[in-house]
PDB file of all heavy atoms in Angstrom:
ATOM      1  N   TYR A   1       7.570 -12.754  58.330  1.00  0.00           N
ATOM      2  CA  TYR A   1       8.182 -13.796  59.116  1.00  0.00           C
ATOM      3  C   TYR A   1       8.538 -13.105  60.516  1.00  0.00           C
ATOM      4  O   TYR A   1       9.222 -12.121  60.514  1.00  0.00           O
ATOM      5  CB  TYR A   1       9.483 -14.331  58.572  1.00  0.00           C
ATOM      6  CG  TYR A   1       9.295 -14.898  57.151  1.00  0.00           C
ATOM      7  CD1 TYR A   1       9.255 -14.014  56.046  1.00  0.00           C
ATOM      8  CD2 TYR A   1       9.163 -16.225  56.905  1.00  0.00           C
ATOM      9  CE1 TYR A   1       9.117 -14.542  54.732  1.00  0.00           C
ATOM     10  CE2 TYR A   1       9.041 -16.794  55.624  1.00  0.00           C
ATOM     11  CZ  TYR A   1       8.964 -15.937  54.583  1.00  0.00           C
ATOM     12  OH  TYR A   1       8.856 -16.412  53.340  1.00  0.00           O
ATOM     13  N   ASN A   2       8.128 -13.812  61.587  1.00  0.00           N
ATOM     14  CA  ASN A   2       8.520 -13.336  62.923  1.00  0.00           C
ATOM     15  C   ASN A   2       9.647 -14.270  63.413  1.00  0.00           C
ATOM     16  O   ASN A   2       9.402 -15.456  63.717  1.00  0.00           O
ATOM     17  CB  ASN A   2       7.304 -13.435  63.842  1.00  0.00           C
ATOM     18  CG  ASN A   2       7.571 -12.881  65.250  1.00  0.00           C
ATOM     19  OD1 ASN A   2       8.654 -12.887  65.701  1.00  0.00           O
ATOM     20  ND2 ASN A   2       6.535 -12.464  65.905  1.00  0.00           N
ATOM     21  N   ARG A   3      10.827 -13.777  63.485  1.00  0.00           N
ATOM     22  CA  ARG A   3      12.027 -14.587  63.835  1.00  0.00           C
ATOM     23  C   ARG A   3      11.910 -15.064  65.260  1.00  0.00           C
ATOM     24  O   ARG A   3      12.345 -16.124  65.628  1.00  0.00           O
ATOM     25  CB  ARG A   3      13.281 -13.821  63.645  1.00  0.00           C
ATOM     26  CG  ARG A   3      13.736 -13.620  62.241  1.00  0.00           C
ATOM     27  CD  ARG A   3      15.161 -13.125  62.194  1.00  0.00           C
ATOM     28  NE  ARG A   3      15.572 -12.682  60.885  1.00  0.00           N
ATOM     29  CZ  ARG A   3      15.958 -13.500  59.957  1.00  0.00           C
ATOM     30  NH1 ARG A   3      16.055 -14.845  60.199  1.00  0.00           N
ATOM     31  NH2 ARG A   3      16.366 -13.083  58.779  1.00  0.00           N
ATOM     32  N   LYS A   4      11.291 -14.275  66.197  1.00  0.00           N
ATOM     33  CA  LYS A   4      11.175 -14.650  67.588  1.00  0.00           C
ATOM     34  C   LYS A   4      10.280 -15.849  67.795  1.00  0.00           C
ATOM     35  O   LYS A   4      10.541 -16.720  68.611  1.00  0.00           O
ATOM     36  CB  LYS A   4      10.675 -13.462  68.460  1.00  0.00           C
ATOM     37  CG  LYS A   4      11.786 -12.367  68.562  1.00  0.00           C
ATOM     38  CD  LYS A   4      11.246 -11.264  69.465  1.00  0.00           C
ATOM     39  CE  LYS A   4      12.251 -10.187  69.568  1.00  0.00           C
ATOM     40  NZ  LYS A   4      11.796  -9.073  70.404  1.00  0.00           N
ATOM     41  N   THR A   5       9.197 -15.883  67.103  1.00  0.00           N
ATOM     42  CA  THR A   5       8.169 -17.028  67.298  1.00  0.00           C
ATOM     43  C   THR A   5       8.257 -18.046  66.237  1.00  0.00           C
ATOM     44  O   THR A   5       7.717 -19.158  66.449  1.00  0.00           O
ATOM     45  CB  THR A   5       6.752 -16.428  67.305  1.00  0.00           C
ATOM     46  OG1 THR A   5       6.452 -15.860  65.993  1.00  0.00           O
ATOM     47  CG2 THR A   5       6.556 -15.300  68.390  1.00  0.00           C
ATOM     48  N   GLY A   6       8.865 -17.790  65.133  1.00  0.00           N
ATOM     49  CA  GLY A   6       8.942 -18.714  64.047  1.00  0.00           C
ATOM     50  C   GLY A   6       7.619 -18.720  63.188  1.00  0.00           C
ATOM     51  O   GLY A   6       7.582 -19.506  62.220  1.00  0.00           O
ATOM     52  N   ARG A   7       6.715 -17.845  63.550  1.00  0.00           N
ATOM     53  CA  ARG A   7       5.477 -17.853  62.771  1.00  0.00           C
ATOM     54  C   ARG A   7       5.603 -16.995  61.521  1.00  0.00           C
ATOM     55  O   ARG A   7       6.398 -16.066  61.498  1.00  0.00           O
ATOM     56  CB  ARG A   7       4.358 -17.263  63.619  1.00  0.00           C
ATOM     57  CG  ARG A   7       3.971 -18.243  64.808  1.00  0.00           C
ATOM     58  CD  ARG A   7       2.983 -17.632  65.759  1.00  0.00           C
ATOM     59  NE  ARG A   7       1.753 -17.315  65.046  1.00  0.00           N
ATOM     60  CZ  ARG A   7       0.945 -16.251  65.393  1.00  0.00           C
ATOM     61  NH1 ARG A   7       1.228 -15.536  66.390  1.00  0.00           N
ATOM     62  NH2 ARG A   7      -0.148 -15.999  64.692  1.00  0.00           N
ATOM     63  N   SER A   8       4.865 -17.345  60.498  1.00  0.00           N
ATOM     64  CA  SER A   8       4.902 -16.576  59.232  1.00  0.00           C
ATOM     65  C   SER A   8       3.543 -16.658  58.545  1.00  0.00           C
ATOM     66  O   SER A   8       2.718 -17.501  58.841  1.00  0.00           O
ATOM     67  CB  SER A   8       5.997 -17.084  58.293  1.00  0.00           C
ATOM     68  OG  SER A   8       5.682 -18.462  57.933  1.00  0.00           O
ATOM     69  N   VAL A   9       3.316 -15.668  57.630  1.00  0.00           N
ATOM     70  CA  VAL A   9       2.080 -15.670  56.835  1.00  0.00           C
ATOM     71  C   VAL A   9       2.344 -14.989  55.567  1.00  0.00           C
ATOM     72  O   VAL A   9       3.188 -14.084  55.445  1.00  0.00           O
ATOM     73  CB  VAL A   9       0.976 -14.975  57.677  1.00  0.00           C
ATOM     74  CG1 VAL A   9       1.325 -13.447  57.900  1.00  0.00           C
ATOM     75  CG2 VAL A   9      -0.306 -15.107  57.058  1.00  0.00           C
ATOM     76  N   ARG A  10       1.641 -15.456  54.548  1.00  0.00           N
ATOM     77  CA  ARG A  10       1.716 -14.829  53.212  1.00  0.00           C
ATOM     78  C   ARG A  10       0.360 -14.207  52.887  1.00  0.00           C
ATOM     79  O   ARG A  10      -0.659 -14.935  52.911  1.00  0.00           O
ATOM     80  CB  ARG A  10       2.085 -15.818  52.126  1.00  0.00           C
ATOM     81  CG  ARG A  10       2.236 -15.237  50.747  1.00  0.00           C
ATOM     82  CD  ARG A  10       2.792 -16.244  49.739  1.00  0.00           C
ATOM     83  NE  ARG A  10       2.876 -15.760  48.428  1.00  0.00           N
ATOM     84  CZ  ARG A  10       2.092 -16.111  47.389  1.00  0.00           C
ATOM     85  NH1 ARG A  10       1.171 -17.032  47.621  1.00  0.00           N
ATOM     86  NH2 ARG A  10       2.252 -15.521  46.213  1.00  0.00           N
ATOM     87  N   LEU A  11       0.373 -12.881  52.665  1.00  0.00           N
ATOM     88  CA  LEU A  11      -0.928 -12.217  52.395  1.00  0.00           C
ATOM     89  C   LEU A  11      -0.970 -11.919  50.873  1.00  0.00           C
ATOM     90  O   LEU A  11      -0.029 -11.254  50.382  1.00  0.00           O
ATOM     91  CB  LEU A  11      -0.997 -10.944  53.211  1.00  0.00           C
ATOM     92  CG  LEU A  11      -0.924 -11.051  54.673  1.00  0.00           C
ATOM     93  CD1 LEU A  11      -0.973  -9.703  55.406  1.00  0.00           C
ATOM     94  CD2 LEU A  11      -2.036 -11.989  55.212  1.00  0.00           C
ATOM     95  N   VAL A  12      -1.996 -12.375  50.254  1.00  0.00           N
ATOM     96  CA  VAL A  12      -2.082 -12.192  48.806  1.00  0.00           C
ATOM     97  C   VAL A  12      -3.421 -11.342  48.487  1.00  0.00           C
ATOM     98  O   VAL A  12      -4.480 -11.800  48.907  1.00  0.00           O
ATOM     99  CB  VAL A  12      -2.217 -13.558  47.993  1.00  0.00           C
ATOM    100  CG1 VAL A  12      -2.299 -13.341  46.482  1.00  0.00           C
ATOM    101  CG2 VAL A  12      -1.018 -14.466  48.399  1.00  0.00           C
ATOM    102  N   LEU A  13      -3.257 -10.257  47.846  1.00  0.00           N
ATOM    103  CA  LEU A  13      -4.367  -9.412  47.547  1.00  0.00           C
ATOM    104  C   LEU A  13      -5.334 -10.127  46.658  1.00  0.00           C
ATOM    105  O   LEU A  13      -5.015 -10.797  45.605  1.00  0.00           O
ATOM    106  CB  LEU A  13      -3.903  -8.129  46.831  1.00  0.00           C
ATOM    107  CG  LEU A  13      -4.944  -7.092  46.530  1.00  0.00           C
ATOM    108  CD1 LEU A  13      -5.458  -6.390  47.832  1.00  0.00           C
ATOM    109  CD2 LEU A  13      -4.404  -6.002  45.589  1.00  0.00           C
ATOM    110  N   ARG A  14      -6.618 -10.048  47.046  1.00  0.00           N
ATOM    111  CA  ARG A  14      -7.692 -10.649  46.285  1.00  0.00           C
ATOM    112  C   ARG A  14      -8.016  -9.735  45.091  1.00  0.00           C
ATOM    113  O   ARG A  14      -7.974  -8.504  45.218  1.00  0.00           O
ATOM    114  CB  ARG A  14      -8.946 -10.837  47.087  1.00  0.00           C
ATOM    115  CG  ARG A  14      -8.818 -11.875  48.172  1.00  0.00           C
ATOM    116  CD  ARG A  14     -10.094 -12.075  48.940  1.00  0.00           C
ATOM    117  NE  ARG A  14      -9.891 -12.988  49.984  1.00  0.00           N
ATOM    118  CZ  ARG A  14     -10.375 -12.870  51.220  1.00  0.00           C
ATOM    119  NH1 ARG A  14     -11.067 -11.809  51.573  1.00  0.00           N
ATOM    120  NH2 ARG A  14     -10.107 -13.802  52.126  1.00  0.00           N
ATOM    121  N   PRO A  15      -8.399 -10.291  43.954  1.00  0.00           N
ATOM    122  CA  PRO A  15      -8.833  -9.404  42.843  1.00  0.00           C
ATOM    123  C   PRO A  15     -10.102  -8.605  43.232  1.00  0.00           C
ATOM    124  O   PRO A  15     -10.974  -9.118  43.910  1.00  0.00           O
ATOM    125  CB  PRO A  15      -9.178 -10.419  41.699  1.00  0.00           C
ATOM    126  CG  PRO A  15      -8.825 -11.800  42.228  1.00  0.00           C
ATOM    127  CD  PRO A  15      -8.536 -11.726  43.617  1.00  0.00           C
ATOM    128  N   SER A  16     -10.064  -7.384  42.789  1.00  0.00           N
ATOM    129  CA  SER A  16     -11.228  -6.488  43.038  1.00  0.00           C
ATOM    130  C   SER A  16     -12.403  -6.833  42.135  1.00  0.00           C
ATOM    131  O   SER A  16     -13.525  -6.505  42.418  1.00  0.00           O
ATOM    132  CB  SER A  16     -10.817  -5.046  42.879  1.00  0.00           C
ATOM    133  OG  SER A  16     -10.585  -4.754  41.521  1.00  0.00           O
ATOM    134  N   GLY A  17     -12.064  -7.439  40.968  1.00  0.00           N
ATOM    135  CA  GLY A  17     -13.105  -7.807  40.021  1.00  0.00           C
ATOM    136  C   GLY A  17     -13.504  -6.692  39.039  1.00  0.00           C
ATOM    137  O   GLY A  17     -14.419  -6.918  38.228  1.00  0.00           O
ATOM    138  N   LYS A  18     -12.820  -5.623  39.105  1.00  0.00           N
ATOM    139  CA  LYS A  18     -13.123  -4.559  38.158  1.00  0.00           C
ATOM    140  C   LYS A  18     -11.942  -3.646  37.967  1.00  0.00           C
ATOM    141  O   LYS A  18     -11.031  -3.479  38.788  1.00  0.00           O
ATOM    142  CB  LYS A  18     -14.328  -3.660  38.682  1.00  0.00           C
ATOM    143  CG  LYS A  18     -14.040  -3.095  40.040  1.00  0.00           C
ATOM    144  CD  LYS A  18     -15.276  -2.323  40.538  1.00  0.00           C
ATOM    145  CE  LYS A  18     -15.069  -1.832  41.955  1.00  0.00           C
ATOM    146  NZ  LYS A  18     -16.184  -1.172  42.575  1.00  0.00           N
ATOM    147  N   GLN A  19     -11.856  -3.009  36.807  1.00  0.00           N
ATOM    148  CA  GLN A  19     -10.831  -2.035  36.481  1.00  0.00           C
ATOM    149  C   GLN A  19     -11.267  -0.716  37.235  1.00  0.00           C
ATOM    150  O   GLN A  19     -12.380  -0.318  37.235  1.00  0.00           O
ATOM    151  CB  GLN A  19     -10.723  -1.778  34.981  1.00  0.00           C
ATOM    152  CG  GLN A  19     -10.226  -2.992  34.210  1.00  0.00           C
ATOM    153  CD  GLN A  19      -8.705  -3.183  34.459  1.00  0.00           C
ATOM    154  OE1 GLN A  19      -8.335  -3.653  35.533  1.00  0.00           O
ATOM    155  NE2 GLN A  19      -7.924  -2.761  33.549  1.00  0.00           N
ATOM    156  N   MET A  20     -10.283  -0.036  37.762  1.00  0.00           N
ATOM    157  CA  MET A  20     -10.529   1.184  38.487  1.00  0.00           C
ATOM    158  C   MET A  20      -9.506   2.239  38.119  1.00  0.00           C
ATOM    159  O   MET A  20      -8.426   1.916  37.805  1.00  0.00           O
ATOM    160  CB  MET A  20     -10.431   0.877  40.041  1.00  0.00           C
ATOM    161  CG  MET A  20     -11.458  -0.091  40.576  1.00  0.00           C
ATOM    162  SD  MET A  20     -11.326  -0.259  42.353  1.00  0.00           S
ATOM    163  CE  MET A  20     -10.050  -1.585  42.458  1.00  0.00           C
ATOM    164  N   THR A  21      -9.968   3.451  38.186  1.00  0.00           N
ATOM    165  CA  THR A  21      -9.072   4.627  38.081  1.00  0.00           C
ATOM    166  C   THR A  21      -8.242   4.708  39.343  1.00  0.00           C
ATOM    167  O   THR A  21      -8.572   4.085  40.377  1.00  0.00           O
ATOM    168  CB  THR A  21      -9.813   5.938  37.925  1.00  0.00           C
ATOM    169  OG1 THR A  21     -10.563   6.202  39.074  1.00  0.00           O
ATOM    170  CG2 THR A  21     -10.732   5.844  36.649  1.00  0.00           C
ATOM    171  N   ARG A  22      -7.225   5.563  39.411  1.00  0.00           N
ATOM    172  CA  ARG A  22      -6.419   5.719  40.614  1.00  0.00           C
ATOM    173  C   ARG A  22      -7.294   6.199  41.784  1.00  0.00           C
ATOM    174  O   ARG A  22      -7.235   5.728  42.862  1.00  0.00           O
ATOM    175  CB  ARG A  22      -5.375   6.777  40.332  1.00  0.00           C
ATOM    176  CG  ARG A  22      -4.216   6.260  39.577  1.00  0.00           C
ATOM    177  CD  ARG A  22      -3.160   7.376  39.379  1.00  0.00           C
ATOM    178  NE  ARG A  22      -2.625   7.762  40.651  1.00  0.00           N
ATOM    179  CZ  ARG A  22      -1.364   7.588  41.092  1.00  0.00           C
ATOM    180  NH1 ARG A  22      -0.480   7.101  40.253  1.00  0.00           N
ATOM    181  NH2 ARG A  22      -0.998   8.031  42.258  1.00  0.00           N
ATOM    182  N   GLU A  23      -8.238   7.131  41.509  1.00  0.00           N
ATOM    183  CA  GLU A  23      -9.106   7.590  42.580  1.00  0.00           C
ATOM    184  C   GLU A  23     -10.059   6.520  43.079  1.00  0.00           C
ATOM    185  O   GLU A  23     -10.253   6.388  44.251  1.00  0.00           O
ATOM    186  CB  GLU A  23      -9.878   8.822  42.051  1.00  0.00           C
ATOM    187  CG  GLU A  23      -9.075  10.067  41.718  1.00  0.00           C
ATOM    188  CD  GLU A  23      -8.324   9.972  40.405  1.00  0.00           C
ATOM    189  OE1 GLU A  23      -8.773   9.139  39.504  1.00  0.00           O
ATOM    190  OE2 GLU A  23      -7.322  10.688  40.231  1.00  0.00           O
ATOM    191  N   GLU A  24     -10.637   5.730  42.116  1.00  0.00           N
ATOM    192  CA  GLU A  24     -11.529   4.655  42.533  1.00  0.00           C
ATOM    193  C   GLU A  24     -10.754   3.607  43.320  1.00  0.00           C
ATOM    194  O   GLU A  24     -11.310   3.038  44.299  1.00  0.00           O
ATOM    195  CB  GLU A  24     -12.130   4.031  41.256  1.00  0.00           C
ATOM    196  CG  GLU A  24     -13.142   4.883  40.563  1.00  0.00           C
ATOM    197  CD  GLU A  24     -13.581   4.321  39.238  1.00  0.00           C
ATOM    198  OE1 GLU A  24     -12.734   3.591  38.600  1.00  0.00           O
ATOM    199  OE2 GLU A  24     -14.633   4.611  38.773  1.00  0.00           O
ATOM    200  N   SER A  25      -9.520   3.297  42.919  1.00  0.00           N
ATOM    201  CA  SER A  25      -8.672   2.343  43.617  1.00  0.00           C
ATOM    202  C   SER A  25      -8.463   2.775  45.021  1.00  0.00           C
ATOM    203  O   SER A  25      -8.594   1.978  45.982  1.00  0.00           O
ATOM    204  CB  SER A  25      -7.377   2.102  42.862  1.00  0.00           C
ATOM    205  OG  SER A  25      -6.490   1.400  43.654  1.00  0.00           O
ATOM    206  N   PHE A  26      -8.046   4.040  45.175  1.00  0.00           N
ATOM    207  CA  PHE A  26      -7.799   4.522  46.573  1.00  0.00           C
ATOM    208  C   PHE A  26      -9.086   4.434  47.385  1.00  0.00           C
ATOM    209  O   PHE A  26      -8.989   3.870  48.516  1.00  0.00           O
ATOM    210  CB  PHE A  26      -7.288   5.996  46.463  1.00  0.00           C
ATOM    211  CG  PHE A  26      -7.138   6.640  47.806  1.00  0.00           C
ATOM    212  CD1 PHE A  26      -6.143   6.239  48.652  1.00  0.00           C
ATOM    213  CD2 PHE A  26      -7.979   7.700  48.173  1.00  0.00           C
ATOM    214  CE1 PHE A  26      -5.932   6.871  49.906  1.00  0.00           C
ATOM    215  CE2 PHE A  26      -7.817   8.192  49.452  1.00  0.00           C
ATOM    216  CZ  PHE A  26      -6.745   7.842  50.308  1.00  0.00           C
ATOM    217  N   ALA A  27     -10.170   4.917  46.900  1.00  0.00           N
ATOM    218  CA  ALA A  27     -11.439   4.853  47.707  1.00  0.00           C
ATOM    219  C   ALA A  27     -11.851   3.409  48.054  1.00  0.00           C
ATOM    220  O   ALA A  27     -12.284   3.123  49.149  1.00  0.00           O
ATOM    221  CB  ALA A  27     -12.621   5.579  46.949  1.00  0.00           C
TER     222      ALA A  27
END
């Protein structure tokens, strides 16, 4: 939320579609 402009946005992570290890997730 930007209090100065009144604008806001909600960002929702899209599913990756696969299970990943920590290293795979980072990459």
